Amino acid sequence: MGAGRHSLVFPLTLIAVGVMLLLREFGYLHGDIVRYWPVLLIVWGLGMIWAARKG
């Protein structure tokens, strides 16, 4: 069950990044979103640690 959950994390992260970049291109988001990509890696890593501790 855990392996299936982890296999969705990477595709969902890519989709989220793509949506943010698309919204920025359409003018809905202002500023430099790309400079915050390390935060996504940190959140992803924390999510993996949290999932490992739960089960």
C-alpha atoms as a PDB file:
ATOM      1  CA  MET A   1       0.000   0.000   0.000  1.00  0.00           C
ATOM      2  CA  GLY A   2       2.844   2.406   0.789  1.00  0.00           C
ATOM      3  CA  ALA A   3       4.573   1.843  -2.549  1.00  0.00           C
ATOM      4  CA  GLY A   4       1.475   2.919  -4.451  1.00  0.00           C
ATOM      5  CA  ARG A   5       1.247   6.121  -2.468  1.00  0.00           C
ATOM      6  CA  HIS A   6       4.897   6.999  -3.051  1.00  0.00           C
ATOM      7  CA  SER A   7       4.548   6.371  -6.770  1.00  0.00           C
ATOM      8  CA  LEU A   8       1.988   9.209  -6.968  1.00  0.00           C
ATOM      9  CA  VAL A   9       4.138  11.808  -5.227  1.00  0.00           C
ATOM     10  CA  PHE A  10       6.500  12.531  -8.114  1.00  0.00           C
ATOM     11  CA  PRO A  11       3.813  12.836 -10.825  1.00  0.00           C
ATOM     12  CA  LEU A  12       1.663  15.043  -8.587  1.00  0.00           C
ATOM     13  CA  THR A  13       4.666  17.250  -7.843  1.00  0.00           C
ATOM     14  CA  LEU A  14       5.347  17.650 -11.557  1.00  0.00           C
ATOM     15  CA  ILE A  15       1.700  18.499 -12.197  1.00  0.00           C
ATOM     16  CA  ALA A  16       1.716  21.099  -9.408  1.00  0.00           C
ATOM     17  CA  VAL A  17       4.872  22.731 -10.759  1.00  0.00           C
ATOM     18  CA  GLY A  18       3.427  22.725 -14.266  1.00  0.00           C
ATOM     19  CA  VAL A  19       0.188  24.328 -13.108  1.00  0.00           C
ATOM     20  CA  MET A  20       2.090  27.042 -11.227  1.00  0.00           C
ATOM     21  CA  LEU A  21       4.247  27.822 -14.251  1.00  0.00           C
ATOM     22  CA  LEU A  22       1.202  27.864 -16.537  1.00  0.00           C
ATOM     23  CA  LEU A  23      -0.685  30.230 -14.223  1.00  0.00           C
ATOM     24  CA  ARG A  24       2.378  32.466 -14.145  1.00  0.00           C
ATOM     25  CA  GLU A  25       2.519  32.547 -17.938  1.00  0.00           C
ATOM     26  CA  PHE A  26      -1.173  33.492 -18.123  1.00  0.00           C
ATOM     27  CA  GLY A  27      -0.576  36.322 -15.665  1.00  0.00           C
ATOM     28  CA  TYR A  28      -2.520  34.936 -12.704  1.00  0.00           C
ATOM     29  CA  LEU A  29       0.601  34.598 -10.550  1.00  0.00           C
ATOM     30  CA  HIS A  30       3.081  37.417 -10.245  1.00  0.00           C
ATOM     31  CA  GLY A  31       6.688  37.208  -9.178  1.00  0.00           C
ATOM     32  CA  ASP A  32       9.396  34.668  -9.721  1.00  0.00           C
ATOM     33  CA  ILE A  33       7.788  31.324  -8.847  1.00  0.00           C
ATOM     34  CA  VAL A  34      10.748  29.353 -10.185  1.00  0.00           C
ATOM     35  CA  ARG A  35      13.024  30.604  -7.408  1.00  0.00           C
ATOM     36  CA  TYR A  36      10.924  28.719  -4.850  1.00  0.00           C
ATOM     37  CA  TRP A  37      11.498  25.241  -6.348  1.00  0.00           C
ATOM     38  CA  PRO A  38      13.760  24.160  -3.454  1.00  0.00           C
ATOM     39  CA  VAL A  39      10.771  24.575  -1.130  1.00  0.00           C
ATOM     40  CA  LEU A  40       8.949  21.919  -3.156  1.00  0.00           C
ATOM     41  CA  LEU A  41      11.868  19.538  -2.614  1.00  0.00           C
ATOM     42  CA  ILE A  42      11.838  20.216   1.113  1.00  0.00           C
ATOM     43  CA  VAL A  43       8.084  19.629   1.363  1.00  0.00           C
ATOM     44  CA  TRP A  44       8.420  16.465  -0.708  1.00  0.00           C
ATOM     45  CA  GLY A  45      11.178  15.165   1.579  1.00  0.00           C
ATOM     46  CA  LEU A  46       9.204  16.000   4.719  1.00  0.00           C
ATOM     47  CA  GLY A  47       6.219  14.169   3.258  1.00  0.00           C
ATOM     48  CA  MET A  48       8.349  11.101   2.647  1.00  0.00           C
ATOM     49  CA  ILE A  49       9.684  11.204   6.217  1.00  0.00           C
ATOM     50  CA  TRP A  50       6.167  11.618   7.590  1.00  0.00           C
ATOM     51  CA  ALA A  51       4.917   8.658   5.525  1.00  0.00           C
ATOM     52  CA  ALA A  52       7.816   6.479   6.678  1.00  0.00           C
ATOM     53  CA  ARG A  53       7.141   7.274  10.327  1.00  0.00           C
ATOM     54  CA  LYS A  54       3.429   6.468   9.976  1.00  0.00           C
ATOM     55  CA  GLY A  55       3.849   3.080   8.542  1.00  0.00           C
END
